[in-house]
Amino acid sequence: MSRHIIFKCPRTGMNVQHRLDEVPADKAEDAYRSVNCPACTLTHFIHRRTGKLLGEA
């Protein structure tokens, strides 16, 4: 199962929609996934449980 998230691209400031797969219960809490950003064409790392960018408070 997957869910939609919206994150703000740190480079362009645009809101970006992405689909993340659910994290199995046996996976680590700090599981980040790399995402290709369509707004700036760079790769960002998003926490699979919270949907927040790496380094975001």
Protein backbone atom coordinates (compact mmCIF):
# COMPACT_ATOMS: atom_id res chain seq x y z
CA MET A 1 0.00 0.00 0.00
CA SER A 2 1.23 3.51 -0.67
CA ARG A 3 0.28 7.02 0.35
CA HIS A 4 0.61 10.48 -1.12
CA ILE A 5 2.78 13.06 0.55
CA ILE A 6 3.46 16.70 -0.25
CA PHE A 7 6.86 18.17 0.52
CA LYS A 8 8.39 21.55 -0.17
CA CYS A 9 11.39 21.47 -2.50
CA PRO A 10 14.24 23.15 -0.61
CA ARG A 11 15.73 24.52 -3.81
CA THR A 12 12.69 26.00 -5.57
CA GLY A 13 10.23 26.37 -2.68
CA MET A 14 7.52 24.61 -4.71
CA ASN A 15 5.16 22.05 -3.18
CA VAL A 16 5.81 18.63 -4.71
CA GLN A 17 3.48 15.64 -4.55
CA HIS A 18 4.98 12.16 -4.34
CA ARG A 19 3.82 8.65 -3.56
CA LEU A 20 5.64 6.70 -0.82
CA ASP A 21 5.36 3.01 -0.08
CA GLU A 22 4.33 2.02 3.43
CA VAL A 23 7.16 0.94 5.72
CA PRO A 24 6.98 -2.63 7.07
CA ALA A 25 6.93 -2.88 10.86
CA ASP A 26 10.28 -4.70 10.96
CA LYS A 27 12.14 -1.86 9.22
CA ALA A 28 14.22 0.70 11.11
CA GLU A 29 12.59 3.93 12.30
CA ASP A 30 15.12 6.11 10.45
CA ALA A 31 14.40 4.81 6.97
CA TYR A 32 14.90 7.47 4.31
CA ARG A 33 14.07 7.06 0.65
CA SER A 34 15.63 8.96 -2.23
CA VAL A 35 13.13 10.84 -4.40
CA ASN A 36 13.75 12.51 -7.74
CA CYS A 37 12.21 15.96 -7.49
CA PRO A 38 10.32 17.10 -10.60
CA ALA A 39 10.60 20.75 -9.50
CA CYS A 40 14.40 20.98 -9.49
CA THR A 41 15.47 17.60 -10.99
CA LEU A 42 17.68 16.86 -7.96
CA THR A 43 17.41 14.00 -5.49
CA HIS A 44 16.00 14.60 -2.00
CA PHE A 45 15.83 12.16 0.91
CA ILE A 46 12.43 11.74 2.56
CA HIS A 47 11.67 9.90 5.78
CA ARG A 48 9.37 7.01 4.87
CA ARG A 49 7.20 7.27 8.02
CA THR A 50 6.89 11.03 8.49
CA GLY A 51 7.25 12.29 4.91
CA LYS A 52 9.73 14.98 6.01
CA LEU A 53 12.94 15.87 4.19
CA LEU A 54 16.30 14.94 5.63
CA GLY A 55 17.41 17.84 7.82
CA GLU A 56 13.90 19.26 8.18
CA ALA A 57 12.83 19.96 11.77
